[in-house]
Amino acid sequence: MLRRGAVLLALLLLAVAGDGFPVSTPAPSQAQIPSSRTEAGFGPAGHAGSAYKNVDPEYRRASYWARLHSFVIGSTWLVTERRVAALPSGTPDWNLLRQATKTPTVTWIGHSTVLVQLDGVTFLTDPNWGQRSGPFSGFIGVRRYTPPGIALDDLPPIDFVLISHDHYDHLDEPTVRRLAQKFDPLFIVPKGIKAWLADRDVTRAVELDWGESIVVKGLTVVCTPAQHGGGRTAIDQGRRLWSSWAVLGSKRFYFGGDTGYYRHFQQIGDALGPFDLAALPIGSYTPREIAKPVHISPEEAIQAAIDLRAAHFVGVHWGTFALAREPYTEPPQRLAAEIERRHLDPAVAWVLKPGETRRW
């Protein structure tokens, strides 16, 4: 019975971690939702049956049973969560954030959530203010050990929200509901997620396929490929698309979402770059034989930034949730070591404290 319970818990946690088995709000805003258009250089996402598929024809995930075995045998937090200290917090630049000036800023909130300001427009990526990441965020899920760098109620007005995919650590239902109620932003999402939002009474949303774009307050937002997957339950694997995003204005910003390394970075850089700033994941890359197809390492993040022709990149998707096996302080250490090995300018890579604001 104990072994059966451990297996069932592992199945749940695979979904909680985001790469597992397929598995009152305000009245709708009357604000106009922009129409989409197709950008040159990217085709729509392909399908394998009813599921979306990645660009790489050789893409292969480890089997479900291999992932299950990894969680049951190797993950100490199945039995007892690792207790780690929160990352040191930074200080937001409140003058810039609240004035929404033309000065471009980026503030790391935590995990894959960044607050970006560009050309007087303010937006968020993959917002997550949850204390746990999972289907029952109040009491079951992966624990958050670093609190958000800015409280949600302290945010400046949010114009739009970018969602990269539907995994729990990137699409947090309580956070989405709170943002919709407080700011009524436009949610810009990959194919399939608009209906998920509508089921939760969040109707101010537009969904895009790879290669499609919209214009929001003068900024062009382009849906671009990523190498990953989707699914929140045992029956919806791959039913909703995953993506990265490019935001183009007086400067160019790229958000990588969750992704393995592939030549899509170079294709995006060639079509839409060079970028002034890229937000790229640098954590949750272990165990490597399981994570490699869907999560880049710090070393691959550097190569991705080079492919994108990014002047700077900020490391995200680390130091927040206990999702993987690498020590939580390891990603920035490996990032620094690889920059030194390649003889690159250390100023290229930004490792921000939660809440820290930087101009770009």
Protein backbone atom coordinates (compact mmCIF):
# COMPACT_ATOMS: atom_id res chain seq x y z
CA MET A 1 0.00 0.00 0.00
CA LEU A 2 2.84 2.39 0.85
CA ARG A 3 4.56 1.66 -2.47
CA ARG A 4 1.31 2.16 -4.37
CA GLY A 5 0.82 5.48 -2.60
CA ALA A 6 4.34 6.58 -3.52
CA VAL A 7 3.70 5.77 -7.19
CA LEU A 8 0.40 7.71 -7.19
CA LEU A 9 2.10 10.66 -5.53
CA ALA A 10 4.88 10.51 -8.12
CA LEU A 11 2.34 10.59 -10.94
CA LEU A 12 0.81 13.72 -9.41
CA LEU A 13 4.17 15.36 -8.88
CA LEU A 14 5.21 14.73 -12.47
CA ALA A 15 2.23 16.84 -13.50
CA VAL A 16 2.99 19.35 -10.74
CA ALA A 17 6.57 19.80 -11.93
CA GLY A 18 5.21 20.70 -15.34
CA ASP A 19 6.73 18.01 -17.54
CA GLY A 20 4.73 14.99 -16.55
CA PHE A 21 1.87 12.98 -17.94
CA PRO A 22 -0.47 14.53 -20.48
CA VAL A 23 -2.78 14.99 -18.64
CA SER A 24 -15.91 36.56 -7.97
CA THR A 25 -14.15 37.84 -11.29
CA PRO A 26 -15.06 41.10 -13.07
CA ALA A 27 -17.33 41.35 -16.07
CA PRO A 28 -15.48 40.95 -19.40
CA SER A 29 -13.76 44.10 -20.54
CA GLN A 30 -15.15 45.91 -23.53
CA ALA A 31 -11.65 46.99 -24.56
CA GLN A 32 -10.92 45.95 -28.12
CA ILE A 33 -8.82 42.82 -28.55
CA PRO A 34 -6.28 43.26 -31.37
CA SER A 35 -6.47 41.02 -34.42
CA SER A 36 -3.53 38.80 -35.31
CA ARG A 37 -1.39 38.66 -38.41
CA THR A 38 1.27 36.28 -39.75
CA GLU A 39 4.96 37.12 -39.51
CA ALA A 40 7.44 35.99 -42.16
CA GLY A 41 9.95 33.30 -41.18
CA PHE A 42 7.85 30.96 -39.03
CA GLY A 43 5.34 28.32 -39.92
CA PRO A 44 2.47 27.23 -37.69
CA ALA A 45 3.00 24.44 -35.18
CA GLY A 46 2.54 20.93 -36.53
CA HIS A 47 0.43 18.14 -35.07
CA ALA A 48 0.86 14.48 -34.27
CA GLY A 49 -2.72 13.29 -34.00
CA SER A 50 -4.55 15.60 -31.61
CA ALA A 51 -1.35 16.89 -29.97
CA TYR A 52 1.02 19.62 -31.04
CA LYS A 53 4.58 18.64 -31.84
CA ASN A 54 7.99 20.27 -31.68
CA VAL A 55 9.96 21.58 -34.64
CA ASP A 56 12.84 19.12 -34.17
CA PRO A 57 11.90 15.93 -36.06
CA GLU A 58 14.28 13.98 -33.79
CA TYR A 59 12.67 15.27 -30.60
CA ARG A 60 12.22 12.52 -28.03
CA ARG A 61 11.26 12.67 -24.38
CA ALA A 62 12.35 10.09 -21.88
CA SER A 63 9.58 7.54 -21.39
CA TYR A 64 6.93 8.20 -18.78
CA TRP A 65 8.20 5.22 -16.80
CA ALA A 66 11.78 6.54 -16.90
CA ARG A 67 10.53 9.86 -15.55
CA LEU A 68 8.43 8.12 -12.93
CA HIS A 69 11.40 6.02 -11.83
CA SER A 70 13.53 9.16 -11.59
CA PHE A 71 10.97 10.83 -9.33
CA VAL A 72 10.40 7.80 -7.10
CA ILE A 73 14.05 6.75 -6.73
CA GLY A 74 15.94 9.99 -7.02
CA SER A 75 13.79 12.83 -5.73
CA THR A 76 14.24 13.31 -2.02
CA TRP A 77 11.31 15.72 -1.85
CA LEU A 78 8.89 12.82 -2.48
CA VAL A 79 9.50 11.92 1.16
CA THR A 80 10.64 15.17 2.71
CA GLU A 81 11.11 18.52 0.98
CA ARG A 82 14.54 20.01 0.82
CA ARG A 83 14.76 22.96 3.13
CA VAL A 84 16.71 25.79 1.60
CA ALA A 85 17.01 29.46 2.39
CA ALA A 86 15.28 32.06 0.24
CA LEU A 87 17.42 33.99 -2.21
CA PRO A 88 18.44 37.47 -1.03
CA SER A 89 15.89 40.03 -2.18
CA GLY A 90 16.56 43.10 -4.29
CA THR A 91 14.99 46.55 -4.25
CA PRO A 92 12.59 47.52 -7.03
CA ASP A 93 13.06 50.90 -8.68
CA TRP A 94 9.65 52.21 -7.68
CA ASN A 95 10.10 55.58 -9.38
CA LEU A 96 10.57 53.96 -12.78
CA LEU A 97 8.03 51.20 -12.27
CA ARG A 98 5.18 53.44 -11.16
CA GLN A 99 5.76 56.17 -13.69
CA ALA A 100 5.86 53.77 -16.66
CA THR A 101 8.26 56.06 -18.48
CA LYS A 102 9.86 55.35 -21.85
CA THR A 103 12.89 53.93 -20.00
CA PRO A 104 13.01 50.15 -20.62
CA THR A 105 13.20 48.18 -17.37
CA VAL A 106 13.19 44.54 -16.33
CA THR A 107 12.41 43.30 -12.81
CA TRP A 108 12.74 39.66 -11.85
CA ILE A 109 9.80 38.63 -9.67
CA GLY A 110 10.91 35.01 -9.36
CA HIS A 111 10.95 31.76 -11.39
CA SER A 112 9.88 32.70 -14.95
CA THR A 113 7.97 35.81 -13.92
CA VAL A 114 9.53 39.05 -15.07
CA LEU A 115 7.99 42.52 -15.08
CA VAL A 116 8.99 44.38 -18.24
CA GLN A 117 8.46 47.99 -19.26
CA LEU A 118 9.05 49.11 -22.82
CA ASP A 119 7.91 52.29 -24.56
CA GLY A 120 5.58 53.14 -21.67
CA VAL A 121 3.90 49.71 -21.79
CA THR A 122 4.08 47.30 -18.83
CA PHE A 123 3.75 43.53 -19.14
CA LEU A 124 4.41 40.28 -17.26
CA THR A 125 5.71 36.89 -18.34
CA ASP A 126 4.37 33.60 -16.90
CA PRO A 127 3.06 35.23 -13.70
CA ASN A 128 3.19 33.04 -10.60
CA TRP A 129 2.64 34.38 -7.10
CA GLY A 130 1.70 30.97 -5.71
CA GLN A 131 3.20 29.45 -2.55
CA ARG A 132 3.13 26.04 -4.20
CA SER A 133 3.12 24.95 -7.83
CA GLY A 134 0.57 22.26 -8.51
CA PRO A 135 -3.07 21.34 -9.04
CA PHE A 136 -3.94 21.94 -5.38
CA SER A 137 -1.68 24.92 -4.75
CA GLY A 138 -2.88 25.47 -1.20
CA PHE A 139 -1.63 22.18 0.20
CA ILE A 140 -0.20 19.88 -2.53
CA GLY A 141 2.51 20.85 -4.96
CA VAL A 142 6.11 21.91 -5.25
CA ARG A 143 6.97 24.34 -2.47
CA ARG A 144 8.12 27.88 -3.17
CA TYR A 145 11.16 28.75 -1.07
CA THR A 146 11.86 32.28 -2.39
CA PRO A 147 8.93 34.72 -2.07
CA PRO A 148 7.98 36.98 -5.01
CA GLY A 149 10.23 40.01 -5.36
CA ILE A 150 7.19 42.29 -5.53
CA ALA A 151 3.80 41.62 -3.98
CA LEU A 152 1.07 41.32 -6.60
CA ASP A 153 -0.90 44.14 -4.99
CA ASP A 154 2.12 46.43 -5.33
CA LEU A 155 2.49 45.97 -9.09
CA PRO A 156 2.07 48.95 -11.40
CA PRO A 157 -0.85 48.71 -13.87
CA ILE A 158 -0.31 45.74 -16.20
CA ASP A 159 -1.17 46.19 -19.88
CA PHE A 160 -0.72 42.58 -21.02
CA VAL A 161 0.45 39.18 -19.83
CA LEU A 162 2.46 36.64 -21.82
CA ILE A 163 1.92 32.93 -21.10
CA SER A 164 4.41 30.46 -22.59
CA HIS A 165 2.58 27.19 -21.82
CA ASP A 166 0.13 25.55 -19.46
CA HIS A 167 2.39 23.80 -16.92
CA TYR A 168 1.55 24.65 -13.33
CA ASP A 169 4.71 26.62 -12.58
CA HIS A 170 4.04 28.88 -15.61
CA LEU A 171 0.26 29.13 -15.62
CA ASP A 172 -0.91 29.55 -12.03
CA GLU A 173 -4.69 29.74 -11.80
CA PRO A 174 -5.01 31.82 -8.60
CA THR A 175 -2.48 34.33 -9.95
CA VAL A 176 -4.27 34.62 -13.29
CA ARG A 177 -7.58 35.24 -11.56
CA ARG A 178 -6.09 37.93 -9.30
CA LEU A 179 -4.41 39.72 -12.20
CA ALA A 180 -7.60 39.68 -14.26
CA GLN A 181 -9.60 41.09 -11.37
CA LYS A 182 -7.11 43.78 -10.40
CA PHE A 183 -5.78 44.99 -13.77
CA ASP A 184 -7.93 43.46 -16.55
CA PRO A 185 -4.85 42.99 -18.75
CA LEU A 186 -4.85 41.36 -22.17
CA PHE A 187 -3.65 37.76 -21.86
CA ILE A 188 -1.59 36.72 -24.89
CA VAL A 189 -1.34 32.94 -25.01
CA PRO A 190 -0.49 30.02 -27.31
CA LYS A 191 -3.22 28.07 -29.07
CA GLY A 192 -5.57 26.21 -26.74
CA ILE A 193 -5.04 28.27 -23.59
CA LYS A 194 -7.69 30.88 -24.40
CA ALA A 195 -10.43 28.31 -23.79
CA TRP A 196 -8.79 27.31 -20.50
CA LEU A 197 -8.88 30.95 -19.41
CA ALA A 198 -12.47 31.38 -20.55
CA ASP A 199 -13.50 28.43 -18.38
CA ARG A 200 -12.21 30.53 -15.46
CA ASP A 201 -14.09 33.66 -16.59
CA VAL A 202 -10.95 35.33 -17.95
CA THR A 203 -12.18 36.37 -21.39
CA ARG A 204 -9.87 39.23 -22.37
CA ALA A 205 -7.42 36.98 -24.17
CA VAL A 206 -6.00 36.35 -27.62
CA GLU A 207 -4.31 33.11 -28.66
CA LEU A 208 -1.64 32.81 -31.32
CA ASP A 209 0.11 30.09 -33.26
CA TRP A 210 3.82 30.13 -33.99
CA GLY A 211 4.50 32.85 -36.52
CA GLU A 212 1.47 34.96 -35.63
CA SER A 213 1.64 38.41 -34.06
CA ILE A 214 -0.50 41.22 -32.70
CA VAL A 215 0.14 44.88 -31.95
CA VAL A 216 -0.60 46.06 -28.41
CA LYS A 217 -0.18 49.76 -27.61
CA GLY A 218 2.46 50.12 -30.30
CA LEU A 219 4.42 46.97 -29.40
CA THR A 220 4.47 44.01 -31.79
CA VAL A 221 4.15 40.71 -29.93
CA VAL A 222 5.23 37.64 -31.92
CA CYS A 223 4.54 34.02 -30.96
CA THR A 224 7.72 32.06 -31.64
CA PRO A 225 8.64 28.36 -31.29
CA ALA A 226 10.00 26.62 -28.21
CA GLN A 227 10.98 23.00 -27.67
CA HIS A 228 8.89 21.78 -24.79
CA GLY A 229 5.39 20.38 -24.18
CA GLY A 230 2.12 21.00 -22.43
CA GLY A 231 -0.44 19.36 -20.19
CA ARG A 232 -1.95 19.73 -16.73
CA THR A 233 -3.65 16.35 -16.29
CA ALA A 234 -3.27 12.73 -17.29
CA ILE A 235 -5.32 13.21 -20.46
CA ASP A 236 -4.32 16.54 -22.05
CA GLN A 237 -0.65 16.11 -22.94
CA GLY A 238 0.20 18.33 -25.90
CA ARG A 239 -3.36 19.57 -26.43
CA ARG A 240 -2.35 23.19 -25.79
CA LEU A 241 0.57 24.79 -27.59
CA TRP A 242 3.81 25.97 -25.97
CA SER A 243 5.82 28.93 -27.23
CA SER A 244 8.41 31.61 -26.68
CA TRP A 245 7.68 35.30 -27.30
CA ALA A 246 9.30 38.29 -28.98
CA VAL A 247 8.19 41.83 -28.09
CA LEU A 248 9.32 44.47 -30.55
CA GLY A 249 9.27 48.22 -30.02
CA SER A 250 12.04 50.81 -29.81
CA LYS A 251 14.00 47.88 -28.35
CA ARG A 252 13.59 44.14 -28.76
CA PHE A 253 12.79 41.71 -25.92
CA TYR A 254 12.66 37.90 -26.05
CA PHE A 255 11.14 35.51 -23.51
CA GLY A 256 12.18 31.89 -23.88
CA GLY A 257 9.52 30.22 -21.74
CA ASP A 258 10.55 26.61 -21.08
CA THR A 259 12.63 25.00 -23.80
CA GLY A 260 15.28 22.55 -24.77
CA TYR A 261 18.10 23.71 -27.03
CA TYR A 262 17.48 23.61 -30.78
CA ARG A 263 18.13 25.73 -33.83
CA HIS A 264 14.87 27.64 -33.27
CA PHE A 265 16.93 30.16 -31.31
CA GLN A 266 19.03 30.96 -34.37
CA GLN A 267 15.93 31.09 -36.59
CA ILE A 268 14.29 33.56 -34.22
CA GLY A 269 17.46 35.63 -34.00
CA ASP A 270 17.76 35.74 -37.79
CA ALA A 271 14.10 36.66 -38.32
CA LEU A 272 13.47 39.07 -35.45
CA GLY A 273 16.81 39.93 -33.87
CA PRO A 274 19.13 41.19 -32.80
CA PHE A 275 17.54 41.43 -29.35
CA ASP A 276 18.45 43.98 -26.72
CA LEU A 277 17.41 41.65 -23.88
CA ALA A 278 16.43 37.99 -23.62
CA ALA A 279 14.95 36.25 -20.57
CA LEU A 280 16.21 32.66 -20.70
CA PRO A 281 15.76 29.73 -18.29
CA ILE A 282 18.89 28.56 -16.51
CA GLY A 283 17.49 26.07 -13.96
CA SER A 284 15.65 22.72 -13.71
CA TYR A 285 18.11 20.98 -16.04
CA THR A 286 18.69 17.85 -13.92
CA PRO A 287 18.73 14.89 -14.12
CA ARG A 288 20.18 15.67 -17.52
CA GLU A 289 19.04 12.48 -19.27
CA ILE A 290 15.47 13.39 -18.36
CA ALA A 291 15.55 17.18 -18.67
CA LYS A 292 17.75 17.78 -21.73
CA PRO A 293 15.01 17.62 -24.41
CA VAL A 294 12.88 20.27 -22.65
CA HIS A 295 15.14 22.37 -20.39
CA ILE A 296 18.32 24.15 -21.38
CA SER A 297 21.33 24.17 -19.08
CA PRO A 298 23.15 27.39 -18.12
CA GLU A 299 25.75 26.61 -20.79
CA GLU A 300 23.05 26.16 -23.43
CA ALA A 301 21.40 29.40 -22.28
CA ILE A 302 24.60 31.25 -23.20
CA GLN A 303 24.62 29.63 -26.63
CA ALA A 304 20.93 30.47 -27.06
CA ALA A 305 21.68 34.13 -26.27
CA ILE A 306 24.43 34.09 -28.89
CA ASP A 307 22.05 32.52 -31.42
CA LEU A 308 19.45 35.19 -30.67
CA ARG A 309 22.13 37.88 -31.02
CA ALA A 310 21.05 39.23 -27.65
CA ALA A 311 23.05 42.11 -26.20
CA HIS A 312 22.12 40.94 -22.69
CA PHE A 313 20.17 38.12 -21.16
CA VAL A 314 18.65 37.65 -17.74
CA GLY A 315 18.56 34.18 -16.17
CA VAL A 316 15.12 33.00 -15.03
CA HIS A 317 13.47 29.70 -13.99
CA TRP A 318 15.73 29.07 -11.00
CA GLY A 319 15.97 29.80 -7.29
CA THR A 320 12.23 29.75 -6.61
CA PHE A 321 10.58 26.31 -6.66
CA ALA A 322 12.14 22.96 -5.69
CA LEU A 323 11.67 21.47 -9.15
CA ALA A 324 14.92 19.68 -9.96
CA ARG A 325 17.96 18.04 -8.43
CA GLU A 326 20.69 20.59 -9.01
CA PRO A 327 21.67 22.64 -5.93
CA TYR A 328 19.59 25.79 -6.05
CA THR A 329 22.70 28.00 -6.10
CA GLU A 330 24.32 26.08 -8.96
CA PRO A 331 22.77 27.71 -12.07
CA PRO A 332 24.43 31.15 -11.67
CA GLN A 333 27.72 29.47 -10.73
CA ARG A 334 27.71 27.38 -13.90
CA LEU A 335 26.68 30.43 -15.89
CA ALA A 336 29.68 32.39 -14.61
CA ALA A 337 32.05 29.48 -15.24
CA GLU A 338 30.89 29.10 -18.83
CA ILE A 339 31.23 32.83 -19.49
CA GLU A 340 34.79 32.69 -18.21
CA ARG A 341 35.55 29.58 -20.28
CA ARG A 342 34.29 31.28 -23.44
CA HIS A 343 36.09 34.56 -22.59
CA LEU A 344 32.84 36.50 -22.83
CA ASP A 345 32.04 39.81 -21.18
CA PRO A 346 30.44 38.97 -17.78
CA ALA A 347 28.10 41.94 -18.26
CA VAL A 348 26.28 40.00 -20.97
CA ALA A 349 24.51 37.75 -18.44
CA TRP A 350 22.38 39.26 -15.68
CA VAL A 351 21.58 37.29 -12.54
CA LEU A 352 19.11 39.49 -10.70
CA LYS A 353 17.87 39.27 -7.14
CA PRO A 354 14.11 38.82 -6.76
CA GLY A 355 12.65 42.32 -6.96
CA GLU A 356 15.75 43.87 -8.53
CA THR A 357 15.10 46.32 -11.37
CA ARG A 358 17.56 46.97 -14.15
CA ARG A 359 17.42 49.34 -17.11
CA TRP A 360 18.11 47.87 -20.51
